[in-house]
Amino acid sequence: MLPDLLKDDLNVIFCGTAVGNQSAKNGDYYSNPRNKFWTILYKVGLTQLKLDPIDYKELLTYGIGLTDLVKDWNGNDKDIKKEQYDVEKLSRTISDYQPKFLCFNGKGAAKEYLNRRITYYGLQPETYYSTSIYVAPSTSGAANRYWDDAYWFELANLIQN
């Protein structure tokens, strides 16, 4: 389990489903070398440098926070049990910090949080308080067949305008 990376006045909080095994072992978010998270943040201009996973706490200086919908487990998303999703905790986090955007890194966590069987990429019609909700394609190497960086560019544009 990794601690949330949060503070007031964030532009975006990225929410994954759960920490992967490599990230749990290393103690850093998105530390699997096949994960595109750090590269896409830099590519779309949300960070001025391509950060390394070990530097994840520096995201706060860019107005970026991190959390996961499942905080008490790590591993493959397909092995998560329904009762492990902590929708209430994420709702409290959004209520407490009220970032401009909550962005789900992949559809899995978004489906659970929004209580929908089908979720699409992009800006969602729901908001939570003043926080807009966005779903981006997962940066996980295991989700490469769904990758489309256009949604990440769209998100960056929304955040920066």
N, C-alpha and C. Protein backbone atom coordinates (compact mmCIF):
# COMPACT_ATOMS: atom_id res chain seq x y z
N MET A 1 0.83 -1.18 0.00
CA MET A 1 0.00 0.00 0.00
C MET A 1 0.88 1.25 0.00
N LEU A 2 0.53 2.19 -0.85
CA LEU A 2 1.24 3.47 -0.90
C LEU A 2 0.36 4.55 -0.30
N PRO A 3 0.96 5.51 0.40
CA PRO A 3 0.15 6.59 0.95
C PRO A 3 -0.37 7.50 -0.16
N ASP A 4 -1.54 8.08 0.07
CA ASP A 4 -2.05 9.06 -0.88
C ASP A 4 -1.08 10.23 -0.97
N LEU A 5 -1.03 10.86 -2.14
CA LEU A 5 -0.23 12.06 -2.34
C LEU A 5 -1.23 13.19 -2.59
N LEU A 6 -1.50 13.98 -1.55
CA LEU A 6 -2.58 14.96 -1.62
C LEU A 6 -2.20 16.25 -0.92
N LYS A 7 -2.80 17.34 -1.37
CA LYS A 7 -2.75 18.63 -0.70
C LYS A 7 -3.91 19.46 -1.26
N ASP A 8 -4.16 20.60 -0.66
CA ASP A 8 -5.22 21.48 -1.15
C ASP A 8 -4.83 22.13 -2.48
N ASP A 9 -5.83 22.58 -3.22
CA ASP A 9 -5.65 23.34 -4.46
C ASP A 9 -4.94 22.57 -5.57
N LEU A 10 -5.24 21.29 -5.70
CA LEU A 10 -4.66 20.50 -6.78
C LEU A 10 -5.44 20.70 -8.07
N ASN A 11 -4.73 20.64 -9.17
CA ASN A 11 -5.39 20.67 -10.49
C ASN A 11 -6.07 19.34 -10.77
N VAL A 12 -5.40 18.26 -10.39
CA VAL A 12 -5.92 16.92 -10.69
C VAL A 12 -5.41 15.92 -9.67
N ILE A 13 -6.29 15.00 -9.32
CA ILE A 13 -5.88 13.82 -8.58
C ILE A 13 -6.06 12.63 -9.51
N PHE A 14 -4.99 11.91 -9.77
CA PHE A 14 -5.07 10.69 -10.57
C PHE A 14 -5.40 9.53 -9.63
N CYS A 15 -6.39 8.75 -10.04
CA CYS A 15 -6.83 7.62 -9.24
C CYS A 15 -6.68 6.34 -10.04
N GLY A 16 -5.84 5.45 -9.56
CA GLY A 16 -5.73 4.13 -10.16
C GLY A 16 -6.65 3.16 -9.45
N THR A 17 -6.67 1.94 -9.92
CA THR A 17 -7.50 0.93 -9.26
C THR A 17 -6.79 0.46 -7.99
N ALA A 18 -5.59 -0.06 -8.13
CA ALA A 18 -4.78 -0.52 -6.99
C ALA A 18 -3.32 -0.47 -7.39
N VAL A 19 -2.46 -0.42 -6.41
CA VAL A 19 -1.02 -0.41 -6.66
C VAL A 19 -0.59 -1.76 -7.24
N GLY A 20 0.22 -1.72 -8.27
CA GLY A 20 0.76 -2.95 -8.84
C GLY A 20 1.84 -3.54 -7.96
N ASN A 21 2.18 -4.78 -8.22
CA ASN A 21 3.17 -5.47 -7.40
C ASN A 21 4.53 -4.77 -7.38
N GLN A 22 4.98 -4.32 -8.54
CA GLN A 22 6.29 -3.67 -8.60
C GLN A 22 6.28 -2.35 -7.83
N SER A 23 5.20 -1.58 -7.95
CA SER A 23 5.10 -0.33 -7.20
C SER A 23 5.08 -0.59 -5.71
N ALA A 24 4.36 -1.62 -5.28
CA ALA A 24 4.31 -1.97 -3.86
C ALA A 24 5.70 -2.36 -3.36
N LYS A 25 6.42 -3.14 -4.16
CA LYS A 25 7.77 -3.58 -3.78
C LYS A 25 8.73 -2.40 -3.69
N ASN A 26 8.64 -1.49 -4.67
CA ASN A 26 9.57 -0.36 -4.73
C ASN A 26 9.16 0.80 -3.82
N GLY A 27 7.87 0.86 -3.47
CA GLY A 27 7.37 1.96 -2.66
C GLY A 27 7.16 3.24 -3.44
N ASP A 28 6.97 3.12 -4.76
CA ASP A 28 6.78 4.27 -5.65
C ASP A 28 5.58 4.03 -6.56
N TYR A 29 4.81 5.05 -6.82
CA TYR A 29 3.70 4.94 -7.76
C TYR A 29 4.20 4.70 -9.18
N TYR A 30 3.48 3.86 -9.91
CA TYR A 30 3.72 3.61 -11.35
C TYR A 30 5.19 3.27 -11.64
N SER A 31 5.75 2.35 -10.89
CA SER A 31 7.18 2.07 -11.03
C SER A 31 7.51 0.95 -12.01
N ASN A 32 6.52 0.26 -12.56
CA ASN A 32 6.81 -0.75 -13.57
C ASN A 32 7.35 -0.05 -14.82
N PRO A 33 8.48 -0.47 -15.35
CA PRO A 33 9.06 0.20 -16.51
C PRO A 33 8.14 0.20 -17.74
N ARG A 34 7.19 -0.71 -17.79
CA ARG A 34 6.25 -0.76 -18.93
C ARG A 34 5.11 0.24 -18.77
N ASN A 35 4.97 0.86 -17.61
CA ASN A 35 3.90 1.82 -17.37
C ASN A 35 4.26 3.16 -18.01
N LYS A 36 3.30 3.76 -18.70
CA LYS A 36 3.54 4.99 -19.45
C LYS A 36 3.20 6.27 -18.67
N PHE A 37 2.86 6.14 -17.38
CA PHE A 37 2.38 7.29 -16.62
C PHE A 37 3.36 8.47 -16.64
N TRP A 38 4.60 8.23 -16.30
CA TRP A 38 5.57 9.33 -16.19
C TRP A 38 5.87 9.94 -17.54
N THR A 39 5.92 9.11 -18.56
CA THR A 39 6.19 9.61 -19.92
C THR A 39 5.05 10.46 -20.43
N ILE A 40 3.80 10.01 -20.22
CA ILE A 40 2.66 10.77 -20.76
C ILE A 40 2.47 12.09 -20.01
N LEU A 41 2.73 12.12 -18.71
CA LEU A 41 2.61 13.40 -18.00
C LEU A 41 3.54 14.44 -18.60
N TYR A 42 4.75 14.02 -18.90
CA TYR A 42 5.72 14.93 -19.52
C TYR A 42 5.33 15.26 -20.95
N LYS A 43 4.92 14.27 -21.72
CA LYS A 43 4.58 14.46 -23.12
C LYS A 43 3.44 15.45 -23.31
N VAL A 44 2.44 15.40 -22.43
CA VAL A 44 1.29 16.30 -22.57
C VAL A 44 1.49 17.64 -21.86
N GLY A 45 2.62 17.81 -21.19
CA GLY A 45 2.95 19.09 -20.57
C GLY A 45 2.43 19.29 -19.16
N LEU A 46 2.02 18.22 -18.49
CA LEU A 46 1.59 18.37 -17.10
C LEU A 46 2.77 18.44 -16.13
N THR A 47 3.94 17.99 -16.59
CA THR A 47 5.19 18.19 -15.85
C THR A 47 6.22 18.75 -16.83
N GLN A 48 7.13 19.56 -16.34
CA GLN A 48 8.17 20.14 -17.21
C GLN A 48 9.36 19.21 -17.38
N LEU A 49 9.44 18.19 -16.54
CA LEU A 49 10.50 17.19 -16.61
C LEU A 49 9.85 15.81 -16.61
N LYS A 50 10.54 14.84 -17.21
CA LYS A 50 10.07 13.46 -17.10
C LYS A 50 10.58 12.93 -15.76
N LEU A 51 9.66 12.83 -14.83
CA LEU A 51 10.01 12.37 -13.50
C LEU A 51 10.20 10.86 -13.49
N ASP A 52 10.95 10.39 -12.52
CA ASP A 52 11.09 8.96 -12.26
C ASP A 52 10.14 8.59 -11.13
N PRO A 53 9.70 7.33 -11.07
CA PRO A 53 8.78 6.92 -10.01
C PRO A 53 9.24 7.30 -8.60
N ILE A 54 10.54 7.21 -8.36
CA ILE A 54 11.06 7.53 -7.02
C ILE A 54 10.80 8.99 -6.65
N ASP A 55 10.57 9.84 -7.65
CA ASP A 55 10.34 11.27 -7.43
C ASP A 55 8.86 11.63 -7.39
N TYR A 56 7.99 10.64 -7.16
CA TYR A 56 6.55 10.88 -7.28
C TYR A 56 6.04 12.01 -6.38
N LYS A 57 6.66 12.26 -5.26
CA LYS A 57 6.19 13.32 -4.36
C LYS A 57 6.35 14.71 -4.98
N GLU A 58 7.22 14.83 -5.98
CA GLU A 58 7.39 16.11 -6.67
C GLU A 58 6.16 16.49 -7.48
N LEU A 59 5.25 15.55 -7.73
CA LEU A 59 4.04 15.87 -8.47
C LEU A 59 3.22 16.97 -7.80
N LEU A 60 3.31 17.05 -6.48
CA LEU A 60 2.56 18.10 -5.78
C LEU A 60 2.94 19.50 -6.25
N THR A 61 4.21 19.69 -6.64
CA THR A 61 4.64 21.00 -7.13
C THR A 61 4.01 21.34 -8.47
N TYR A 62 3.48 20.35 -9.17
CA TYR A 62 2.80 20.55 -10.45
C TYR A 62 1.28 20.56 -10.29
N GLY A 63 0.81 20.52 -9.04
CA GLY A 63 -0.63 20.51 -8.80
C GLY A 63 -1.28 19.17 -9.07
N ILE A 64 -0.50 18.10 -8.92
CA ILE A 64 -0.98 16.75 -9.22
C ILE A 64 -0.92 15.90 -7.95
N GLY A 65 -2.02 15.20 -7.67
CA GLY A 65 -2.08 14.27 -6.56
C GLY A 65 -2.31 12.85 -7.05
N LEU A 66 -2.13 11.89 -6.15
CA LEU A 66 -2.27 10.47 -6.49
C LEU A 66 -3.03 9.72 -5.40
N THR A 67 -3.87 8.78 -5.82
CA THR A 67 -4.53 7.86 -4.92
C THR A 67 -4.94 6.62 -5.70
N ASP A 68 -5.52 5.67 -5.01
CA ASP A 68 -6.07 4.46 -5.63
C ASP A 68 -7.41 4.16 -4.98
N LEU A 69 -8.28 3.50 -5.72
CA LEU A 69 -9.60 3.14 -5.19
C LEU A 69 -9.51 1.98 -4.22
N VAL A 70 -8.49 1.14 -4.39
CA VAL A 70 -8.25 0.02 -3.46
C VAL A 70 -6.92 0.31 -2.78
N LYS A 71 -6.96 0.57 -1.48
CA LYS A 71 -5.76 0.98 -0.77
C LYS A 71 -5.13 -0.13 0.08
N ASP A 72 -5.85 -1.22 0.31
CA ASP A 72 -5.35 -2.25 1.24
C ASP A 72 -4.87 -3.50 0.53
N TRP A 73 -4.50 -3.38 -0.75
CA TRP A 73 -4.14 -4.55 -1.53
C TRP A 73 -3.28 -4.11 -2.70
N ASN A 74 -2.44 -4.99 -3.20
CA ASN A 74 -1.69 -4.71 -4.42
C ASN A 74 -1.70 -5.95 -5.30
N GLY A 75 -1.55 -5.74 -6.60
CA GLY A 75 -1.53 -6.85 -7.55
C GLY A 75 -2.35 -6.53 -8.78
N ASN A 76 -2.83 -7.58 -9.44
CA ASN A 76 -3.59 -7.43 -10.68
C ASN A 76 -5.03 -7.03 -10.39
N ASP A 77 -5.52 -6.09 -11.18
CA ASP A 77 -6.88 -5.59 -10.99
C ASP A 77 -7.92 -6.71 -11.06
N LYS A 78 -7.70 -7.70 -11.90
CA LYS A 78 -8.68 -8.76 -12.09
C LYS A 78 -8.88 -9.61 -10.83
N ASP A 79 -7.96 -9.51 -9.88
CA ASP A 79 -8.04 -10.30 -8.65
C ASP A 79 -8.68 -9.56 -7.48
N ILE A 80 -9.10 -8.31 -7.71
CA ILE A 80 -9.70 -7.51 -6.64
C ILE A 80 -11.14 -7.99 -6.39
N LYS A 81 -11.48 -8.07 -5.12
CA LYS A 81 -12.84 -8.42 -4.72
C LYS A 81 -13.68 -7.15 -4.61
N LYS A 82 -14.94 -7.25 -4.94
CA LYS A 82 -15.86 -6.10 -4.94
C LYS A 82 -15.78 -5.30 -3.63
N GLU A 83 -15.71 -5.99 -2.50
CA GLU A 83 -15.73 -5.30 -1.21
C GLU A 83 -14.44 -4.54 -0.91
N GLN A 84 -13.40 -4.73 -1.73
CA GLN A 84 -12.14 -4.01 -1.51
C GLN A 84 -12.16 -2.59 -2.06
N TYR A 85 -13.08 -2.30 -2.96
CA TYR A 85 -13.18 -0.94 -3.52
C TYR A 85 -13.72 -0.01 -2.45
N ASP A 86 -13.01 1.07 -2.18
CA ASP A 86 -13.42 1.99 -1.13
C ASP A 86 -13.92 3.30 -1.74
N VAL A 87 -15.12 3.23 -2.29
CA VAL A 87 -15.74 4.38 -2.95
C VAL A 87 -15.96 5.52 -1.95
N GLU A 88 -16.37 5.18 -0.73
CA GLU A 88 -16.61 6.21 0.28
C GLU A 88 -15.34 6.98 0.62
N LYS A 89 -14.22 6.27 0.74
CA LYS A 89 -12.96 6.96 1.04
C LYS A 89 -12.58 7.92 -0.08
N LEU A 90 -12.73 7.49 -1.33
CA LEU A 90 -12.41 8.38 -2.44
C LEU A 90 -13.35 9.59 -2.44
N SER A 91 -14.61 9.37 -2.16
CA SER A 91 -15.56 10.49 -2.09
C SER A 91 -15.16 11.48 -1.00
N ARG A 92 -14.74 10.98 0.16
CA ARG A 92 -14.28 11.86 1.24
C ARG A 92 -13.03 12.63 0.81
N THR A 93 -12.13 11.95 0.12
CA THR A 93 -10.91 12.61 -0.36
C THR A 93 -11.26 13.76 -1.29
N ILE A 94 -12.16 13.52 -2.22
CA ILE A 94 -12.56 14.56 -3.17
C ILE A 94 -13.27 15.69 -2.43
N SER A 95 -14.12 15.35 -1.49
CA SER A 95 -14.82 16.36 -0.68
C SER A 95 -13.83 17.21 0.11
N ASP A 96 -12.84 16.57 0.71
CA ASP A 96 -11.86 17.28 1.53
C ASP A 96 -10.93 18.17 0.72
N TYR A 97 -10.47 17.68 -0.43
CA TYR A 97 -9.44 18.39 -1.21
C TYR A 97 -10.00 19.17 -2.39
N GLN A 98 -11.14 18.79 -2.91
CA GLN A 98 -11.82 19.44 -4.02
C GLN A 98 -10.87 19.90 -5.15
N PRO A 99 -10.17 18.94 -5.77
CA PRO A 99 -9.32 19.29 -6.91
C PRO A 99 -10.20 19.73 -8.09
N LYS A 100 -9.59 20.36 -9.08
CA LYS A 100 -10.36 20.72 -10.28
C LYS A 100 -10.85 19.46 -11.00
N PHE A 101 -9.98 18.44 -11.07
CA PHE A 101 -10.31 17.20 -11.77
C PHE A 101 -9.95 15.98 -10.93
N LEU A 102 -10.77 14.97 -11.05
CA LEU A 102 -10.44 13.62 -10.61
C LEU A 102 -10.31 12.82 -11.90
N CYS A 103 -9.13 12.29 -12.16
CA CYS A 103 -8.91 11.53 -13.38
C CYS A 103 -8.62 10.08 -13.03
N PHE A 104 -9.46 9.20 -13.54
CA PHE A 104 -9.22 7.78 -13.37
C PHE A 104 -8.24 7.31 -14.42
N ASN A 105 -7.19 6.64 -13.98
CA ASN A 105 -6.19 6.07 -14.87
C ASN A 105 -6.69 4.68 -15.27
N GLY A 106 -7.60 4.65 -16.23
CA GLY A 106 -8.22 3.42 -16.69
C GLY A 106 -9.68 3.34 -16.29
N LYS A 107 -10.40 2.47 -16.98
CA LYS A 107 -11.84 2.36 -16.76
C LYS A 107 -12.23 1.56 -15.53
N GLY A 108 -11.38 0.67 -15.06
CA GLY A 108 -11.75 -0.22 -13.96
C GLY A 108 -12.21 0.53 -12.72
N ALA A 109 -11.38 1.43 -12.23
CA ALA A 109 -11.74 2.20 -11.03
C ALA A 109 -12.92 3.12 -11.32
N ALA A 110 -12.97 3.68 -12.51
CA ALA A 110 -14.08 4.58 -12.87
C ALA A 110 -15.42 3.86 -12.82
N LYS A 111 -15.46 2.65 -13.35
CA LYS A 111 -16.72 1.88 -13.33
C LYS A 111 -17.19 1.65 -11.91
N GLU A 112 -16.28 1.32 -11.02
CA GLU A 112 -16.65 1.07 -9.63
C GLU A 112 -17.11 2.36 -8.94
N TYR A 113 -16.36 3.43 -9.14
CA TYR A 113 -16.69 4.68 -8.48
C TYR A 113 -18.01 5.26 -8.99
N LEU A 114 -18.20 5.21 -10.30
CA LEU A 114 -19.41 5.79 -10.91
C LEU A 114 -20.59 4.82 -10.88
N ASN A 115 -20.32 3.59 -10.43
CA ASN A 115 -21.35 2.55 -10.34
C ASN A 115 -22.02 2.31 -11.70
N ARG A 116 -21.18 2.09 -12.69
CA ARG A 116 -21.65 1.84 -14.06
C ARG A 116 -20.99 0.59 -14.60
N ARG A 117 -21.73 -0.16 -15.40
CA ARG A 117 -21.13 -1.31 -16.09
C ARG A 117 -20.28 -0.86 -17.25
N ILE A 118 -20.69 0.20 -17.91
CA ILE A 118 -19.98 0.70 -19.09
C ILE A 118 -19.55 2.13 -18.82
N THR A 119 -18.29 2.40 -19.07
CA THR A 119 -17.73 3.74 -18.91
C THR A 119 -16.95 4.06 -20.17
N TYR A 120 -16.95 5.31 -20.55
CA TYR A 120 -16.21 5.75 -21.74
C TYR A 120 -15.09 6.69 -21.33
N TYR A 121 -14.13 6.84 -22.22
CA TYR A 121 -13.02 7.75 -21.96
C TYR A 121 -13.47 9.19 -22.16
N GLY A 122 -12.81 10.08 -21.47
CA GLY A 122 -13.08 11.50 -21.61
C GLY A 122 -13.78 12.08 -20.40
N LEU A 123 -14.25 13.31 -20.57
CA LEU A 123 -14.95 14.03 -19.51
C LEU A 123 -16.30 13.37 -19.27
N GLN A 124 -16.63 13.14 -18.03
CA GLN A 124 -17.87 12.47 -17.64
C GLN A 124 -18.93 13.52 -17.29
N PRO A 125 -20.21 13.16 -17.41
CA PRO A 125 -21.27 14.12 -17.07
C PRO A 125 -21.36 14.40 -15.57
N GLU A 126 -20.91 13.44 -14.75
CA GLU A 126 -20.97 13.62 -13.30
C GLU A 126 -19.88 14.58 -12.82
N THR A 127 -20.19 15.28 -11.76
CA THR A 127 -19.20 16.05 -11.02
C THR A 127 -19.39 15.66 -9.56
N TYR A 128 -18.39 15.94 -8.76
CA TYR A 128 -18.50 15.71 -7.33
C TYR A 128 -18.09 17.01 -6.68
N TYR A 129 -19.04 17.69 -6.05
CA TYR A 129 -18.86 19.07 -5.63
C TYR A 129 -18.44 19.85 -6.86
N SER A 130 -17.32 20.55 -6.80
CA SER A 130 -16.88 21.32 -7.97
C SER A 130 -15.85 20.56 -8.80
N THR A 131 -15.62 19.30 -8.50
CA THR A 131 -14.61 18.50 -9.17
C THR A 131 -15.19 17.81 -10.41
N SER A 132 -14.58 18.06 -11.55
CA SER A 132 -14.95 17.36 -12.79
C SER A 132 -14.29 15.99 -12.80
N ILE A 133 -14.96 15.03 -13.42
CA ILE A 133 -14.46 13.66 -13.47
C ILE A 133 -14.07 13.32 -14.90
N TYR A 134 -12.90 12.74 -15.05
CA TYR A 134 -12.35 12.39 -16.36
C TYR A 134 -11.84 10.95 -16.28
N VAL A 135 -12.00 10.22 -17.39
CA VAL A 135 -11.47 8.85 -17.49
C VAL A 135 -10.48 8.82 -18.64
N ALA A 136 -9.24 8.43 -18.34
CA ALA A 136 -8.18 8.33 -19.34
C ALA A 136 -7.81 6.86 -19.54
N PRO A 137 -7.32 6.51 -20.73
CA PRO A 137 -6.85 5.13 -20.93
C PRO A 137 -5.74 4.79 -19.94
N SER A 138 -5.76 3.58 -19.44
CA SER A 138 -4.78 3.15 -18.46
C SER A 138 -3.37 3.21 -19.03
N THR A 139 -2.46 3.68 -18.20
CA THR A 139 -1.05 3.74 -18.58
C THR A 139 -0.33 2.41 -18.37
N SER A 140 -1.02 1.43 -17.79
CA SER A 140 -0.43 0.12 -17.54
C SER A 140 -0.01 -0.56 -18.83
N GLY A 141 1.14 -1.21 -18.81
CA GLY A 141 1.57 -1.98 -19.96
C GLY A 141 0.60 -3.09 -20.31
N ALA A 142 -0.13 -3.59 -19.31
CA ALA A 142 -1.12 -4.65 -19.54
C ALA A 142 -2.32 -4.15 -20.33
N ALA A 143 -2.48 -2.84 -20.45
CA ALA A 143 -3.63 -2.26 -21.16
C ALA A 143 -3.23 -1.61 -22.48
N ASN A 144 -2.11 -2.00 -23.04
CA ASN A 144 -1.62 -1.36 -24.27
C ASN A 144 -2.61 -1.38 -25.43
N ARG A 145 -3.43 -2.40 -25.51
CA ARG A 145 -4.37 -2.48 -26.65
C ARG A 145 -5.42 -1.38 -26.60
N TYR A 146 -5.60 -0.73 -25.45
CA TYR A 146 -6.58 0.35 -25.31
C TYR A 146 -5.94 1.74 -25.32
N TRP A 147 -4.63 1.78 -25.49
CA TRP A 147 -3.91 3.04 -25.36
C TRP A 147 -4.26 4.03 -26.47
N ASP A 148 -4.52 5.26 -26.07
CA ASP A 148 -4.76 6.36 -26.99
C ASP A 148 -4.37 7.63 -26.24
N ASP A 149 -3.23 8.22 -26.60
CA ASP A 149 -2.77 9.38 -25.85
C ASP A 149 -3.59 10.63 -26.13
N ALA A 150 -4.49 10.61 -27.12
CA ALA A 150 -5.33 11.77 -27.41
C ALA A 150 -6.15 12.19 -26.20
N TYR A 151 -6.61 11.21 -25.42
CA TYR A 151 -7.38 11.55 -24.21
C TYR A 151 -6.52 12.24 -23.17
N TRP A 152 -5.27 11.86 -23.09
CA TRP A 152 -4.36 12.50 -22.14
C TRP A 152 -4.06 13.93 -22.57
N PHE A 153 -3.93 14.16 -23.89
CA PHE A 153 -3.76 15.53 -24.37
C PHE A 153 -5.01 16.36 -24.08
N GLU A 154 -6.18 15.77 -24.27
CA GLU A 154 -7.43 16.47 -23.98
C GLU A 154 -7.49 16.85 -22.50
N LEU A 155 -7.15 15.91 -21.63
CA LEU A 155 -7.16 16.19 -20.20
C LEU A 155 -6.19 17.35 -19.88
N ALA A 156 -5.00 17.30 -20.40
CA ALA A 156 -4.02 18.37 -20.14
C ALA A 156 -4.57 19.72 -20.60
N ASN A 157 -5.22 19.73 -21.74
CA ASN A 157 -5.82 20.97 -22.26
C ASN A 157 -6.90 21.49 -21.31
N LEU A 158 -7.74 20.60 -20.83
CA LEU A 158 -8.79 21.00 -19.89
C LEU A 158 -8.19 21.55 -18.59
N ILE A 159 -7.16 20.91 -18.09
CA ILE A 159 -6.52 21.32 -16.85
C ILE A 159 -5.86 22.69 -17.02
N GLN A 160 -5.22 22.91 -18.14
CA GLN A 160 -4.43 24.12 -18.35
C GLN A 160 -5.27 25.31 -18.81
N ASN A 161 -6.54 25.09 -19.10
CA ASN A 161 -7.40 26.21 -19.54
C ASN A 161 -8.49 26.52 -18.54
